[in-house]
N, C-alpha and C. Protein backbone atom coordinates (compact mmCIF):
# COMPACT_ATOMS: atom_id res chain seq x y z
N MET A 1 0.81 -1.18 0.00
CA MET A 1 0.00 0.00 0.00
C MET A 1 0.86 1.25 0.00
N ASN A 2 1.85 1.30 0.86
CA ASN A 2 2.71 2.48 0.92
C ASN A 2 3.43 2.70 -0.39
N GLU A 3 3.86 1.60 -1.01
CA GLU A 3 4.56 1.74 -2.28
C GLU A 3 3.64 2.34 -3.34
N GLN A 4 2.40 1.90 -3.38
CA GLN A 4 1.45 2.44 -4.36
C GLN A 4 1.19 3.92 -4.08
N LEU A 5 1.06 4.27 -2.81
CA LEU A 5 0.84 5.65 -2.43
C LEU A 5 2.02 6.52 -2.86
N GLU A 6 3.23 6.02 -2.63
CA GLU A 6 4.43 6.76 -3.04
C GLU A 6 4.48 6.94 -4.55
N LEU A 7 4.10 5.89 -5.28
CA LEU A 7 4.08 6.00 -6.74
C LEU A 7 3.03 7.02 -7.20
N ASP A 8 1.88 7.01 -6.57
CA ASP A 8 0.83 7.97 -6.92
C ASP A 8 1.29 9.40 -6.63
N VAL A 9 1.94 9.60 -5.51
CA VAL A 9 2.44 10.93 -5.16
C VAL A 9 3.49 11.36 -6.16
N ALA A 10 4.40 10.46 -6.51
CA ALA A 10 5.45 10.77 -7.49
C ALA A 10 4.82 11.15 -8.83
N ASP A 11 3.80 10.40 -9.26
CA ASP A 11 3.11 10.72 -10.52
C ASP A 11 2.45 12.09 -10.44
N ASP A 12 1.82 12.37 -9.32
CA ASP A 12 1.18 13.68 -9.15
C ASP A 12 2.21 14.80 -9.23
N ILE A 13 3.35 14.60 -8.59
CA ILE A 13 4.40 15.63 -8.62
C ILE A 13 4.90 15.83 -10.05
N ARG A 14 5.11 14.74 -10.78
CA ARG A 14 5.56 14.87 -12.17
C ARG A 14 4.54 15.64 -13.00
N ARG A 15 3.25 15.34 -12.80
CA ARG A 15 2.21 16.04 -13.55
C ARG A 15 2.20 17.54 -13.22
N LEU A 16 2.35 17.85 -11.94
CA LEU A 16 2.36 19.26 -11.52
C LEU A 16 3.57 20.00 -12.09
N VAL A 17 4.73 19.36 -12.07
CA VAL A 17 5.94 19.98 -12.62
C VAL A 17 5.77 20.19 -14.12
N GLY A 18 5.22 19.21 -14.80
CA GLY A 18 5.00 19.32 -16.23
C GLY A 18 4.00 20.43 -16.56
N ALA A 19 3.00 20.62 -15.70
CA ALA A 19 1.98 21.64 -15.94
C ALA A 19 2.53 23.04 -15.67
N THR A 20 3.56 23.15 -14.86
CA THR A 20 4.08 24.47 -14.52
C THR A 20 5.31 24.87 -15.32
N LYS A 21 5.70 24.05 -16.27
CA LYS A 21 6.86 24.43 -17.09
C LYS A 21 6.50 25.66 -17.90
N LEU A 22 7.41 26.62 -17.90
CA LEU A 22 7.20 27.87 -18.61
C LEU A 22 7.84 27.83 -19.98
N PRO A 23 7.29 28.58 -20.91
CA PRO A 23 7.95 28.70 -22.21
C PRO A 23 9.32 29.36 -22.03
N ALA A 24 10.20 29.17 -22.99
CA ALA A 24 11.58 29.67 -22.89
C ALA A 24 11.62 31.18 -22.70
N LYS A 25 10.74 31.92 -23.33
CA LYS A 25 10.74 33.37 -23.20
C LYS A 25 10.47 33.78 -21.75
N GLN A 26 9.53 33.12 -21.07
CA GLN A 26 9.23 33.45 -19.69
C GLN A 26 10.37 33.06 -18.76
N VAL A 27 11.05 31.97 -19.07
CA VAL A 27 12.20 31.55 -18.26
C VAL A 27 13.29 32.60 -18.35
N ASP A 28 13.53 33.15 -19.55
CA ASP A 28 14.54 34.21 -19.71
C ASP A 28 14.19 35.41 -18.84
N LYS A 29 12.91 35.76 -18.82
CA LYS A 29 12.49 36.91 -18.00
C LYS A 29 12.74 36.63 -16.52
N ILE A 30 12.41 35.46 -16.09
CA ILE A 30 12.61 35.10 -14.69
C ILE A 30 14.10 35.10 -14.37
N GLU A 31 14.90 34.55 -15.23
CA GLU A 31 16.33 34.52 -14.98
C GLU A 31 16.91 35.92 -14.98
N ALA A 32 16.36 36.82 -15.77
CA ALA A 32 16.85 38.19 -15.80
C ALA A 32 16.55 38.90 -14.48
N ILE A 33 15.47 38.51 -13.84
CA ILE A 33 15.08 39.15 -12.58
C ILE A 33 15.88 38.58 -11.41
N GLN A 34 16.24 37.35 -11.47
CA GLN A 34 16.89 36.67 -10.35
C GLN A 34 18.07 37.42 -9.74
N PRO A 35 19.01 37.97 -10.52
CA PRO A 35 20.14 38.65 -9.88
C PRO A 35 19.70 39.85 -9.03
N GLU A 36 18.59 40.47 -9.36
CA GLU A 36 18.11 41.61 -8.59
C GLU A 36 17.49 41.20 -7.27
N ILE A 37 17.19 39.94 -7.09
CA ILE A 37 16.55 39.46 -5.88
C ILE A 37 17.59 38.91 -4.90
N ALA A 38 18.77 39.39 -4.98
CA ALA A 38 19.82 38.94 -4.06
C ALA A 38 19.53 39.50 -2.67
N PRO A 39 19.99 38.84 -1.62
CA PRO A 39 19.80 39.36 -0.27
C PRO A 39 20.42 40.75 -0.15
N PHE A 40 19.81 41.61 0.64
CA PHE A 40 20.34 42.97 0.74
C PHE A 40 21.58 42.98 1.64
N ASP A 41 22.40 43.98 1.41
CA ASP A 41 23.66 44.06 2.13
C ASP A 41 23.47 44.70 3.50
N GLU A 42 24.52 44.83 4.25
CA GLU A 42 24.47 45.34 5.62
C GLU A 42 23.96 46.77 5.68
N GLN A 43 24.35 47.59 4.70
CA GLN A 43 23.91 48.99 4.68
C GLN A 43 22.39 49.09 4.54
N VAL A 44 21.84 48.29 3.63
CA VAL A 44 20.39 48.29 3.45
C VAL A 44 19.71 47.77 4.72
N HIS A 45 20.29 46.75 5.30
CA HIS A 45 19.77 46.19 6.55
C HIS A 45 19.73 47.27 7.64
N ASP A 46 20.81 48.02 7.77
CA ASP A 46 20.88 49.08 8.77
C ASP A 46 19.87 50.19 8.47
N LEU A 47 19.72 50.54 7.19
CA LEU A 47 18.75 51.57 6.81
C LEU A 47 17.32 51.13 7.14
N LEU A 48 17.02 49.86 6.87
CA LEU A 48 15.70 49.33 7.21
C LEU A 48 15.45 49.40 8.71
N ASN A 49 16.43 48.98 9.48
CA ASN A 49 16.29 49.03 10.94
C ASN A 49 16.12 50.46 11.43
N ASP A 50 16.90 51.39 10.88
CA ASP A 50 16.78 52.80 11.27
C ASP A 50 15.40 53.34 10.91
N SER A 51 14.90 52.99 9.74
CA SER A 51 13.58 53.45 9.32
C SER A 51 12.50 52.93 10.26
N ILE A 52 12.59 51.66 10.59
CA ILE A 52 11.60 51.08 11.50
C ILE A 52 11.69 51.74 12.86
N GLU A 53 12.88 52.03 13.32
CA GLU A 53 13.07 52.70 14.61
C GLU A 53 12.45 54.10 14.58
N LYS A 54 12.64 54.83 13.47
CA LYS A 54 12.06 56.18 13.35
C LYS A 54 10.54 56.11 13.34
N ILE A 55 9.99 55.14 12.66
CA ILE A 55 8.53 54.98 12.63
C ILE A 55 8.02 54.69 14.03
N ALA A 56 8.69 53.77 14.72
CA ALA A 56 8.27 53.42 16.09
C ALA A 56 8.37 54.64 17.00
N GLN A 57 9.45 55.41 16.89
CA GLN A 57 9.60 56.61 17.72
C GLN A 57 8.51 57.63 17.41
N GLY A 58 8.15 57.76 16.14
CA GLY A 58 7.06 58.67 15.78
C GLY A 58 5.76 58.25 16.43
N TRP A 59 5.46 56.97 16.39
CA TRP A 59 4.24 56.47 17.03
C TRP A 59 4.28 56.71 18.53
N ILE A 60 5.43 56.44 19.13
CA ILE A 60 5.56 56.63 20.57
C ILE A 60 5.37 58.10 20.94
N GLU A 61 5.92 59.00 20.15
CA GLU A 61 5.75 60.44 20.41
C GLU A 61 4.27 60.83 20.30
N GLN A 62 3.58 60.27 19.31
CA GLN A 62 2.15 60.56 19.17
C GLN A 62 1.38 60.04 20.38
N LEU A 63 1.74 58.84 20.83
CA LEU A 63 1.07 58.28 22.01
C LEU A 63 1.34 59.12 23.25
N LYS A 64 2.57 59.63 23.37
CA LYS A 64 2.90 60.50 24.51
C LYS A 64 2.08 61.78 24.45
N ALA A 65 1.92 62.34 23.26
CA ALA A 65 1.11 63.55 23.10
C ALA A 65 -0.34 63.27 23.48
N VAL A 66 -0.87 62.13 23.05
CA VAL A 66 -2.25 61.76 23.38
C VAL A 66 -2.38 61.60 24.89
N LYS A 67 -1.39 60.94 25.50
CA LYS A 67 -1.41 60.74 26.96
C LYS A 67 -1.38 62.09 27.67
N GLY A 68 -0.54 63.01 27.19
CA GLY A 68 -0.47 64.34 27.79
C GLY A 68 -1.80 65.07 27.67
N ASN A 69 -2.43 64.97 26.50
CA ASN A 69 -3.74 65.59 26.31
C ASN A 69 -4.78 64.99 27.24
N CYS A 70 -4.74 63.67 27.40
CA CYS A 70 -5.69 63.00 28.30
C CYS A 70 -5.47 63.44 29.74
N ASP A 71 -4.20 63.56 30.15
CA ASP A 71 -3.90 64.01 31.50
C ASP A 71 -4.41 65.43 31.72
N ALA A 72 -4.22 66.30 30.72
CA ALA A 72 -4.70 67.68 30.83
C ALA A 72 -6.23 67.71 30.93
N LEU A 73 -6.90 66.90 30.11
CA LEU A 73 -8.36 66.84 30.17
C LEU A 73 -8.84 66.31 31.51
N GLU A 74 -8.14 65.31 32.03
CA GLU A 74 -8.51 64.75 33.33
C GLU A 74 -8.41 65.83 34.40
N SER A 75 -7.34 66.63 34.37
CA SER A 75 -7.16 67.71 35.34
C SER A 75 -8.29 68.74 35.22
N GLN A 76 -8.66 69.08 33.98
CA GLN A 76 -9.73 70.04 33.78
C GLN A 76 -11.07 69.51 34.29
N VAL A 77 -11.33 68.23 34.04
CA VAL A 77 -12.58 67.63 34.52
C VAL A 77 -12.61 67.64 36.04
N LEU A 78 -11.50 67.24 36.67
CA LEU A 78 -11.45 67.22 38.13
C LEU A 78 -11.61 68.63 38.71
N ALA A 79 -11.00 69.63 38.06
CA ALA A 79 -11.15 71.01 38.51
C ALA A 79 -12.60 71.47 38.38
N ALA A 80 -13.24 71.12 37.26
CA ALA A 80 -14.64 71.50 37.06
C ALA A 80 -15.55 70.83 38.09
N VAL A 81 -15.28 69.56 38.38
CA VAL A 81 -16.09 68.84 39.38
C VAL A 81 -15.91 69.48 40.75
N THR A 82 -14.67 69.80 41.10
CA THR A 82 -14.40 70.43 42.40
C THR A 82 -15.11 71.78 42.49
N LYS A 83 -15.03 72.58 41.42
CA LYS A 83 -15.70 73.88 41.41
C LYS A 83 -17.21 73.70 41.54
N THR A 84 -17.76 72.74 40.82
CA THR A 84 -19.20 72.50 40.89
C THR A 84 -19.62 72.09 42.30
N LYS A 85 -18.83 71.22 42.92
CA LYS A 85 -19.14 70.81 44.30
C LYS A 85 -19.09 72.00 45.24
N ASN A 86 -18.08 72.86 45.07
CA ASN A 86 -17.98 74.05 45.92
C ASN A 86 -19.16 74.99 45.69
N ASP A 87 -19.54 75.16 44.41
CA ASP A 87 -20.69 76.02 44.09
C ASP A 87 -21.97 75.47 44.71
N ILE A 88 -22.15 74.16 44.66
CA ILE A 88 -23.33 73.53 45.26
C ILE A 88 -23.32 73.73 46.78
N ALA A 89 -22.15 73.60 47.39
CA ALA A 89 -22.04 73.81 48.83
C ALA A 89 -22.38 75.26 49.18
N LYS A 90 -21.91 76.22 48.38
CA LYS A 90 -22.24 77.63 48.61
C LYS A 90 -23.73 77.87 48.45
N LEU A 91 -24.32 77.29 47.39
CA LEU A 91 -25.76 77.44 47.18
C LEU A 91 -26.55 76.85 48.34
N HIS A 92 -26.10 75.73 48.87
CA HIS A 92 -26.77 75.11 50.00
C HIS A 92 -26.70 76.03 51.22
N ALA A 93 -25.50 76.59 51.46
CA ALA A 93 -25.34 77.51 52.59
C ALA A 93 -26.22 78.75 52.41
N LEU A 94 -26.24 79.29 51.19
CA LEU A 94 -27.10 80.46 50.93
C LEU A 94 -28.57 80.10 51.10
N GLY A 95 -28.96 78.92 50.65
CA GLY A 95 -30.34 78.47 50.81
C GLY A 95 -30.72 78.36 52.28
N ALA A 96 -29.78 77.85 53.10
CA ALA A 96 -30.04 77.75 54.53
C ALA A 96 -30.21 79.14 55.14
N GLN A 97 -29.39 80.11 54.69
CA GLN A 97 -29.51 81.48 55.19
C GLN A 97 -30.84 82.09 54.76
N VAL A 98 -31.24 81.84 53.51
CA VAL A 98 -32.52 82.36 53.03
C VAL A 98 -33.66 81.79 53.86
N LEU A 99 -33.61 80.48 54.12
CA LEU A 99 -34.67 79.87 54.95
C LEU A 99 -34.68 80.48 56.34
N GLY A 100 -33.49 80.69 56.90
CA GLY A 100 -33.41 81.31 58.23
C GLY A 100 -33.98 82.72 58.22
N GLU A 101 -33.64 83.50 57.19
CA GLU A 101 -34.17 84.86 57.08
C GLU A 101 -35.67 84.84 56.85
N ALA A 102 -36.15 83.90 56.05
CA ALA A 102 -37.60 83.80 55.81
C ALA A 102 -38.33 83.45 57.10
N LYS A 103 -37.76 82.55 57.86
CA LYS A 103 -38.37 82.16 59.15
C LYS A 103 -38.37 83.34 60.10
N ARG A 104 -37.23 84.05 60.15
CA ARG A 104 -37.14 85.21 61.03
C ARG A 104 -38.14 86.29 60.58
N GLY A 105 -38.25 86.45 59.25
CA GLY A 105 -39.23 87.44 58.74
C GLY A 105 -40.65 87.07 59.10
N ARG A 106 -41.02 85.79 59.00
CA ARG A 106 -42.38 85.34 59.37
C ARG A 106 -42.63 85.57 60.86
N GLU A 107 -41.59 85.23 61.67
CA GLU A 107 -41.73 85.42 63.11
C GLU A 107 -41.89 86.89 63.45
N LEU A 108 -41.10 87.74 62.77
CA LEU A 108 -41.18 89.18 63.01
C LEU A 108 -42.56 89.71 62.61
N CYS A 109 -43.03 89.26 61.44
CA CYS A 109 -44.36 89.68 60.99
C CYS A 109 -45.44 89.22 61.97
N ALA A 110 -45.32 87.98 62.43
CA ALA A 110 -46.30 87.44 63.39
C ALA A 110 -46.26 88.25 64.68
N LYS A 111 -45.06 88.61 65.11
CA LYS A 111 -44.91 89.39 66.35
C LYS A 111 -45.51 90.78 66.16
N LEU A 112 -45.24 91.41 65.00
CA LEU A 112 -45.78 92.73 64.73
C LEU A 112 -47.31 92.69 64.66
N VAL A 113 -47.84 91.67 64.01
CA VAL A 113 -49.30 91.51 63.93
C VAL A 113 -49.87 91.36 65.33
N ALA A 114 -49.19 90.58 66.14
CA ALA A 114 -49.67 90.34 67.50
C ALA A 114 -49.62 91.64 68.30
N GLU A 115 -48.55 92.40 68.17
CA GLU A 115 -48.41 93.66 68.89
C GLU A 115 -49.44 94.68 68.45
N ILE A 116 -49.64 94.74 67.12
CA ILE A 116 -50.64 95.69 66.57
C ILE A 116 -52.01 95.26 67.02
N SER A 117 -52.28 94.03 67.06
CA SER A 117 -53.60 93.52 67.48
C SER A 117 -53.84 93.86 68.94
N GLU A 118 -52.84 93.81 69.77
CA GLU A 118 -52.97 94.09 71.19
C GLU A 118 -53.20 95.59 71.42
N GLU A 119 -52.61 96.42 70.62
CA GLU A 119 -52.71 97.87 70.77
C GLU A 119 -54.04 98.40 70.28
N GLN A 120 -54.64 97.78 69.39
CA GLN A 120 -55.90 98.28 68.84
C GLN A 120 -57.04 97.91 69.77
N PRO A 121 -57.93 98.89 70.01
CA PRO A 121 -59.09 98.57 70.87
C PRO A 121 -60.09 97.68 70.12
N ARG A 122 -60.76 96.93 70.86
CA ARG A 122 -61.73 96.04 70.27
C ARG A 122 -63.09 96.49 70.55
């Protein structure tokens, strides 16, 4: 069984190789390109690494700027919340004073009404 399988695989490979054979003109074109596909030299390697490093540094700088902007916004939000809380506390204190003054005014009016009522003959 294994031998038959190996023979079938070998036949399949031969058929595939035969199907992918290129005409002579295309082979010349491929061979003409081959020398240009040589591995790059050390200088190109270094330039690629430097380029990648510059790109990474650019991204990192952008992220730092975004982080700085977020920190500034966070500070502004916290300042606004603190101011709002203080304003609410002031309004509450003023409201308590208004209620106190209103109560005192009602008591004063009631006292004046009572005094005027006592002074008037019936």
